[in-house]
Amino acid sequence: MRKEEMIKYNKIKTELLQIKEKLDEIEESYTQVRAAYINGMPKSKTIKDSIAEAIARIERLREIYNNKITELLDMQIKIEAAIDKLDGYERILMRKRYIDGLKWEIICEQINCSWKTAHRLHNKILEKLKDDIE
């Protein structure tokens, strides 16, 4: 696991929230389109066709977003698994940095160590993770 991959964790969390919001919007659109489709009012064939097409597009978007969620969750699992292989203190440092997204100053204060010590340990952990994959 490389540093670049670890950094992705917070971006993944943000993207998952964004996708959830999009899915909520799609669900709202879907409900409105379905309501127009099944309200019992007589419709011309072209209106029925356009509503059916809209529903099909909504379903396709839903599928795309669900696939993206699966992909992002798999990446999160990979990062979590790499961090779980570490020793306790190493795991705490990496979680605070990559899972919680804390700045180095806050991490150093919370784990009671100097900036230099935290970075030295961080570099050692990254090497350990890199060696673990290769």
N, C-alpha and C. Protein backbone atom coordinates (compact mmCIF):
# COMPACT_ATOMS: atom_id res chain seq x y z
N MET A 1 0.85 -1.18 0.00
CA MET A 1 0.00 0.00 0.00
C MET A 1 0.90 1.24 0.00
N ARG A 2 0.67 2.11 -0.96
CA ARG A 2 1.46 3.33 -1.07
C ARG A 2 0.71 4.50 -0.44
N LYS A 3 1.46 5.56 -0.16
CA LYS A 3 0.89 6.76 0.44
C LYS A 3 -0.25 7.31 -0.42
N GLU A 4 -0.06 7.30 -1.73
CA GLU A 4 -1.08 7.81 -2.64
C GLU A 4 -2.41 7.08 -2.46
N GLU A 5 -2.32 5.77 -2.24
CA GLU A 5 -3.53 4.98 -2.04
C GLU A 5 -4.18 5.30 -0.69
N MET A 6 -3.35 5.53 0.32
CA MET A 6 -3.86 5.85 1.65
C MET A 6 -4.59 7.20 1.63
N ILE A 7 -4.06 8.14 0.89
CA ILE A 7 -4.64 9.49 0.81
C ILE A 7 -6.05 9.44 0.22
N LYS A 8 -6.33 8.46 -0.58
CA LYS A 8 -7.63 8.36 -1.26
C LYS A 8 -8.80 8.13 -0.29
N TYR A 9 -8.51 7.68 0.93
CA TYR A 9 -9.58 7.29 1.85
C TYR A 9 -10.58 8.43 2.08
N ASN A 10 -10.10 9.61 2.42
CA ASN A 10 -11.02 10.73 2.66
C ASN A 10 -11.73 11.17 1.39
N LYS A 11 -11.06 11.07 0.26
CA LYS A 11 -11.71 11.39 -1.01
C LYS A 11 -12.83 10.39 -1.29
N ILE A 12 -12.60 9.15 -0.92
CA ILE A 12 -13.62 8.11 -1.10
C ILE A 12 -14.84 8.43 -0.24
N LYS A 13 -14.61 8.81 1.01
CA LYS A 13 -15.73 9.16 1.90
C LYS A 13 -16.55 10.30 1.31
N THR A 14 -15.88 11.30 0.79
CA THR A 14 -16.56 12.45 0.19
C THR A 14 -17.35 12.02 -1.04
N GLU A 15 -16.74 11.20 -1.87
CA GLU A 15 -17.41 10.75 -3.09
C GLU A 15 -18.62 9.88 -2.76
N LEU A 16 -18.50 9.04 -1.74
CA LEU A 16 -19.64 8.21 -1.34
C LEU A 16 -20.82 9.07 -0.88
N LEU A 17 -20.54 10.12 -0.14
CA LEU A 17 -21.61 11.03 0.28
C LEU A 17 -22.26 11.71 -0.92
N GLN A 18 -21.43 12.12 -1.87
CA GLN A 18 -21.94 12.77 -3.07
C GLN A 18 -22.83 11.81 -3.87
N ILE A 19 -22.40 10.57 -4.00
CA ILE A 19 -23.19 9.58 -4.73
C ILE A 19 -24.51 9.31 -4.02
N LYS A 20 -24.47 9.23 -2.69
CA LYS A 20 -25.71 9.02 -1.95
C LYS A 20 -26.69 10.15 -2.21
N GLU A 21 -26.19 11.39 -2.24
CA GLU A 21 -27.06 12.53 -2.54
C GLU A 21 -27.65 12.39 -3.94
N LYS A 22 -26.83 11.97 -4.90
CA LYS A 22 -27.32 11.78 -6.28
C LYS A 22 -28.37 10.68 -6.33
N LEU A 23 -28.15 9.59 -5.60
CA LEU A 23 -29.13 8.51 -5.56
C LEU A 23 -30.45 8.99 -4.95
N ASP A 24 -30.36 9.83 -3.92
CA ASP A 24 -31.58 10.40 -3.33
C ASP A 24 -32.33 11.25 -4.36
N GLU A 25 -31.58 12.06 -5.14
CA GLU A 25 -32.20 12.87 -6.20
C GLU A 25 -32.86 11.97 -7.25
N ILE A 26 -32.16 10.92 -7.61
CA ILE A 26 -32.69 9.99 -8.61
C ILE A 26 -33.96 9.33 -8.08
N GLU A 27 -33.94 8.94 -6.82
CA GLU A 27 -35.11 8.31 -6.22
C GLU A 27 -36.30 9.27 -6.25
N GLU A 28 -36.05 10.54 -5.98
CA GLU A 28 -37.11 11.54 -6.03
C GLU A 28 -37.65 11.68 -7.46
N SER A 29 -36.76 11.75 -8.44
CA SER A 29 -37.17 11.84 -9.85
C SER A 29 -37.95 10.61 -10.26
N TYR A 30 -37.46 9.46 -9.83
CA TYR A 30 -38.10 8.18 -10.17
C TYR A 30 -39.52 8.16 -9.65
N THR A 31 -39.70 8.60 -8.41
CA THR A 31 -41.03 8.61 -7.80
C THR A 31 -41.96 9.54 -8.57
N GLN A 32 -41.45 10.70 -8.97
CA GLN A 32 -42.27 11.65 -9.71
C GLN A 32 -42.64 11.10 -11.09
N VAL A 33 -41.68 10.49 -11.76
CA VAL A 33 -41.95 9.93 -13.09
C VAL A 33 -42.92 8.77 -12.98
N ARG A 34 -42.72 7.90 -11.99
CA ARG A 34 -43.63 6.76 -11.81
C ARG A 34 -45.04 7.24 -11.49
N ALA A 35 -45.14 8.27 -10.68
CA ALA A 35 -46.45 8.81 -10.33
C ALA A 35 -47.17 9.31 -11.59
N ALA A 36 -46.44 9.98 -12.45
CA ALA A 36 -47.03 10.47 -13.70
C ALA A 36 -47.43 9.30 -14.59
N TYR A 37 -46.70 8.22 -14.51
CA TYR A 37 -46.93 7.06 -15.37
C TYR A 37 -48.14 6.24 -14.91
N ILE A 38 -48.38 6.18 -13.61
CA ILE A 38 -49.42 5.27 -13.10
C ILE A 38 -50.64 6.00 -12.53
N ASN A 39 -50.78 7.26 -12.79
CA ASN A 39 -51.90 7.99 -12.16
C ASN A 39 -53.26 7.71 -12.80
N GLY A 40 -53.29 6.91 -13.85
CA GLY A 40 -54.56 6.50 -14.43
C GLY A 40 -55.11 7.45 -15.48
N MET A 41 -54.50 8.57 -15.67
CA MET A 41 -54.96 9.52 -16.67
C MET A 41 -54.64 8.97 -18.06
N PRO A 42 -55.54 9.17 -19.01
CA PRO A 42 -55.24 8.72 -20.38
C PRO A 42 -54.05 9.49 -20.94
N LYS A 43 -53.19 8.77 -21.62
CA LYS A 43 -51.98 9.38 -22.18
C LYS A 43 -51.81 8.92 -23.62
N SER A 44 -51.16 9.75 -24.38
CA SER A 44 -50.84 9.33 -25.73
C SER A 44 -49.67 8.36 -25.67
N LYS A 45 -49.50 7.61 -26.73
CA LYS A 45 -48.42 6.63 -26.77
C LYS A 45 -47.05 7.29 -26.61
N THR A 46 -46.86 8.46 -27.17
CA THR A 46 -45.56 9.12 -27.09
C THR A 46 -45.24 9.55 -25.66
N ILE A 47 -46.24 9.98 -24.89
CA ILE A 47 -46.00 10.34 -23.49
C ILE A 47 -45.60 9.10 -22.70
N LYS A 48 -46.32 7.99 -22.93
CA LYS A 48 -45.97 6.74 -22.25
C LYS A 48 -44.56 6.31 -22.60
N ASP A 49 -44.20 6.43 -23.87
CA ASP A 49 -42.86 6.05 -24.31
C ASP A 49 -41.80 6.94 -23.66
N SER A 50 -42.03 8.25 -23.60
CA SER A 50 -41.04 9.14 -23.02
C SER A 50 -40.90 8.89 -21.52
N ILE A 51 -42.01 8.58 -20.85
CA ILE A 51 -41.93 8.26 -19.42
C ILE A 51 -41.17 6.97 -19.22
N ALA A 52 -41.44 5.97 -20.05
CA ALA A 52 -40.72 4.69 -19.95
C ALA A 52 -39.23 4.89 -20.21
N GLU A 53 -38.89 5.75 -21.16
CA GLU A 53 -37.49 6.05 -21.44
C GLU A 53 -36.83 6.75 -20.25
N ALA A 54 -37.56 7.67 -19.63
CA ALA A 54 -37.03 8.37 -18.45
C ALA A 54 -36.78 7.39 -17.31
N ILE A 55 -37.71 6.48 -17.11
CA ILE A 55 -37.54 5.46 -16.06
C ILE A 55 -36.33 4.59 -16.37
N ALA A 56 -36.16 4.22 -17.63
CA ALA A 56 -35.01 3.39 -18.02
C ALA A 56 -33.69 4.13 -17.76
N ARG A 57 -33.65 5.43 -18.08
CA ARG A 57 -32.43 6.22 -17.83
C ARG A 57 -32.14 6.33 -16.34
N ILE A 58 -33.20 6.54 -15.56
CA ILE A 58 -33.03 6.62 -14.11
C ILE A 58 -32.49 5.30 -13.57
N GLU A 59 -33.03 4.20 -14.05
CA GLU A 59 -32.54 2.88 -13.61
C GLU A 59 -31.08 2.67 -13.99
N ARG A 60 -30.69 3.14 -15.17
CA ARG A 60 -29.28 3.02 -15.61
C ARG A 60 -28.37 3.85 -14.71
N LEU A 61 -28.79 5.07 -14.38
CA LEU A 61 -28.00 5.90 -13.47
C LEU A 61 -27.87 5.24 -12.10
N ARG A 62 -28.97 4.68 -11.64
CA ARG A 62 -28.95 3.97 -10.35
C ARG A 62 -27.91 2.85 -10.38
N GLU A 63 -27.90 2.11 -11.46
CA GLU A 63 -26.96 0.99 -11.61
C GLU A 63 -25.51 1.51 -11.64
N ILE A 64 -25.26 2.59 -12.37
CA ILE A 64 -23.91 3.17 -12.45
C ILE A 64 -23.45 3.60 -11.07
N TYR A 65 -24.31 4.31 -10.34
CA TYR A 65 -23.94 4.78 -9.00
C TYR A 65 -23.72 3.63 -8.03
N ASN A 66 -24.55 2.61 -8.12
CA ASN A 66 -24.37 1.46 -7.23
C ASN A 66 -23.06 0.73 -7.52
N ASN A 67 -22.69 0.63 -8.80
CA ASN A 67 -21.41 0.02 -9.16
C ASN A 67 -20.24 0.85 -8.63
N LYS A 68 -20.37 2.16 -8.71
CA LYS A 68 -19.32 3.05 -8.21
C LYS A 68 -19.20 2.93 -6.69
N ILE A 69 -20.32 2.83 -6.01
CA ILE A 69 -20.29 2.63 -4.55
C ILE A 69 -19.54 1.35 -4.22
N THR A 70 -19.82 0.28 -4.93
CA THR A 70 -19.14 -0.99 -4.69
C THR A 70 -17.64 -0.85 -4.90
N GLU A 71 -17.25 -0.17 -5.96
CA GLU A 71 -15.83 0.05 -6.26
C GLU A 71 -15.14 0.86 -5.15
N LEU A 72 -15.80 1.92 -4.71
CA LEU A 72 -15.23 2.77 -3.66
C LEU A 72 -15.14 2.04 -2.32
N LEU A 73 -16.16 1.26 -2.01
CA LEU A 73 -16.12 0.48 -0.76
C LEU A 73 -15.01 -0.55 -0.79
N ASP A 74 -14.78 -1.16 -1.95
CA ASP A 74 -13.67 -2.11 -2.08
C ASP A 74 -12.33 -1.43 -1.82
N MET A 75 -12.18 -0.19 -2.31
CA MET A 75 -10.95 0.55 -2.06
C MET A 75 -10.79 0.86 -0.57
N GLN A 76 -11.88 1.23 0.08
CA GLN A 76 -11.83 1.49 1.52
C GLN A 76 -11.45 0.24 2.28
N ILE A 77 -12.00 -0.88 1.89
CA ILE A 77 -11.68 -2.15 2.55
C ILE A 77 -10.20 -2.47 2.40
N LYS A 78 -9.66 -2.23 1.23
CA LYS A 78 -8.23 -2.48 0.99
C LYS A 78 -7.36 -1.62 1.91
N ILE A 79 -7.72 -0.35 2.04
CA ILE A 79 -6.95 0.56 2.90
C ILE A 79 -7.09 0.14 4.36
N GLU A 80 -8.31 -0.16 4.78
CA GLU A 80 -8.55 -0.61 6.17
C GLU A 80 -7.76 -1.89 6.47
N ALA A 81 -7.74 -2.82 5.53
CA ALA A 81 -7.02 -4.08 5.74
C ALA A 81 -5.53 -3.83 5.89
N ALA A 82 -4.98 -2.92 5.10
CA ALA A 82 -3.55 -2.59 5.21
C ALA A 82 -3.25 -1.99 6.57
N ILE A 83 -4.10 -1.09 7.04
CA ILE A 83 -3.88 -0.46 8.34
C ILE A 83 -4.04 -1.47 9.46
N ASP A 84 -4.98 -2.39 9.33
CA ASP A 84 -5.20 -3.40 10.37
C ASP A 84 -4.02 -4.33 10.57
N LYS A 85 -3.15 -4.46 9.58
CA LYS A 85 -1.98 -5.33 9.70
C LYS A 85 -0.88 -4.71 10.57
N LEU A 86 -1.01 -3.42 10.86
CA LEU A 86 0.03 -2.71 11.61
C LEU A 86 -0.10 -2.96 13.11
N ASP A 87 0.99 -2.62 13.82
CA ASP A 87 0.97 -2.69 15.28
C ASP A 87 0.10 -1.56 15.83
N GLY A 88 -0.26 -1.63 17.09
CA GLY A 88 -1.18 -0.70 17.72
C GLY A 88 -0.85 0.78 17.51
N TYR A 89 0.34 1.21 17.87
CA TYR A 89 0.71 2.62 17.77
C TYR A 89 0.77 3.06 16.31
N GLU A 90 1.27 2.18 15.46
CA GLU A 90 1.34 2.48 14.02
C GLU A 90 -0.07 2.63 13.46
N ARG A 91 -0.94 1.73 13.87
CA ARG A 91 -2.33 1.74 13.40
C ARG A 91 -3.03 3.04 13.82
N ILE A 92 -2.79 3.47 15.06
CA ILE A 92 -3.39 4.71 15.56
C ILE A 92 -2.95 5.89 14.70
N LEU A 93 -1.64 5.99 14.46
CA LEU A 93 -1.11 7.09 13.66
C LEU A 93 -1.71 7.10 12.26
N MET A 94 -1.75 5.96 11.61
CA MET A 94 -2.26 5.89 10.24
C MET A 94 -3.76 6.15 10.17
N ARG A 95 -4.50 5.69 11.17
CA ARG A 95 -5.94 5.96 11.19
C ARG A 95 -6.21 7.46 11.36
N LYS A 96 -5.47 8.08 12.28
CA LYS A 96 -5.67 9.50 12.51
C LYS A 96 -5.34 10.30 11.24
N ARG A 97 -4.30 9.89 10.54
CA ARG A 97 -3.87 10.64 9.36
C ARG A 97 -4.77 10.37 8.15
N TYR A 98 -5.04 9.10 7.85
CA TYR A 98 -5.72 8.76 6.60
C TYR A 98 -7.21 8.47 6.73
N ILE A 99 -7.63 7.88 7.83
CA ILE A 99 -9.05 7.59 8.00
C ILE A 99 -9.77 8.84 8.52
N ASP A 100 -9.19 9.47 9.56
CA ASP A 100 -9.80 10.66 10.14
C ASP A 100 -9.41 11.93 9.38
N GLY A 101 -8.31 11.89 8.63
CA GLY A 101 -7.88 13.03 7.83
C GLY A 101 -7.34 14.19 8.65
N LEU A 102 -6.75 13.88 9.81
CA LEU A 102 -6.24 14.94 10.69
C LEU A 102 -4.91 15.49 10.18
N LYS A 103 -4.65 16.74 10.52
CA LYS A 103 -3.37 17.37 10.18
C LYS A 103 -2.31 16.89 11.16
N TRP A 104 -1.05 16.97 10.71
CA TRP A 104 0.07 16.46 11.51
C TRP A 104 0.15 17.12 12.88
N GLU A 105 -0.11 18.41 12.97
CA GLU A 105 -0.02 19.11 14.25
C GLU A 105 -0.99 18.51 15.27
N ILE A 106 -2.19 18.21 14.83
CA ILE A 106 -3.21 17.64 15.72
C ILE A 106 -2.83 16.22 16.10
N ILE A 107 -2.35 15.45 15.13
CA ILE A 107 -1.94 14.07 15.41
C ILE A 107 -0.83 14.06 16.46
N CYS A 108 0.19 14.89 16.26
CA CYS A 108 1.31 14.94 17.20
C CYS A 108 0.84 15.28 18.60
N GLU A 109 -0.09 16.20 18.69
CA GLU A 109 -0.62 16.58 20.00
C GLU A 109 -1.40 15.42 20.63
N GLN A 110 -2.20 14.75 19.83
CA GLN A 110 -3.04 13.67 20.36
C GLN A 110 -2.24 12.44 20.78
N ILE A 111 -1.19 12.12 20.02
CA ILE A 111 -0.40 10.93 20.38
C ILE A 111 0.84 11.29 21.19
N ASN A 112 0.96 12.57 21.50
CA ASN A 112 2.01 13.05 22.37
C ASN A 112 3.42 12.71 21.86
N CYS A 113 3.70 13.19 20.66
CA CYS A 113 5.04 13.01 20.11
C CYS A 113 5.41 14.23 19.27
N SER A 114 6.67 14.35 18.97
CA SER A 114 7.12 15.48 18.17
C SER A 114 6.75 15.26 16.70
N TRP A 115 6.76 16.36 15.97
CA TRP A 115 6.48 16.31 14.53
C TRP A 115 7.49 15.39 13.84
N LYS A 116 8.76 15.52 14.22
CA LYS A 116 9.83 14.73 13.62
C LYS A 116 9.64 13.24 13.90
N THR A 117 9.30 12.91 15.12
CA THR A 117 9.06 11.51 15.48
C THR A 117 7.87 10.94 14.71
N ALA A 118 6.81 11.71 14.62
CA ALA A 118 5.61 11.25 13.89
C ALA A 118 5.94 10.99 12.43
N HIS A 119 6.70 11.88 11.81
CA HIS A 119 7.06 11.70 10.41
C HIS A 119 8.03 10.55 10.20
N ARG A 120 8.95 10.38 11.11
CA ARG A 120 9.87 9.25 11.01
C ARG A 120 9.09 7.93 11.10
N LEU A 121 8.19 7.85 12.06
CA LEU A 121 7.35 6.66 12.20
C LEU A 121 6.47 6.47 10.97
N HIS A 122 5.91 7.54 10.47
CA HIS A 122 5.05 7.48 9.30
C HIS A 122 5.81 6.92 8.09
N ASN A 123 7.01 7.42 7.87
CA ASN A 123 7.83 6.92 6.75
C ASN A 123 8.17 5.45 6.92
N LYS A 124 8.46 5.05 8.15
CA LYS A 124 8.76 3.64 8.44
C LYS A 124 7.53 2.76 8.15
N ILE A 125 6.37 3.26 8.52
CA ILE A 125 5.13 2.51 8.28
C ILE A 125 4.86 2.38 6.78
N LEU A 126 5.05 3.47 6.05
CA LEU A 126 4.83 3.42 4.60
C LEU A 126 5.75 2.41 3.94
N GLU A 127 7.00 2.37 4.37
CA GLU A 127 7.94 1.37 3.84
C GLU A 127 7.47 -0.04 4.18
N LYS A 128 7.02 -0.21 5.40
CA LYS A 128 6.50 -1.52 5.84
C LYS A 128 5.30 -1.95 4.99
N LEU A 129 4.40 -1.03 4.74
CA LEU A 129 3.23 -1.34 3.91
C LEU A 129 3.62 -1.62 2.48
N LYS A 130 4.57 -0.87 1.97
CA LYS A 130 5.04 -1.06 0.60
C LYS A 130 5.70 -2.44 0.45
N ASP A 131 6.53 -2.79 1.42
CA ASP A 131 7.21 -4.10 1.41
C ASP A 131 6.21 -5.23 1.53
N ASP A 132 5.14 -5.00 2.27
CA ASP A 132 4.11 -6.02 2.48
C ASP A 132 3.42 -6.39 1.18
N ILE A 133 3.26 -5.42 0.28
CA ILE A 133 2.58 -5.68 -0.99
C ILE A 133 3.51 -6.31 -2.00
N GLU A 134 4.75 -5.89 -2.01
CA GLU A 134 5.69 -6.39 -3.03
C GLU A 134 6.17 -7.78 -2.77
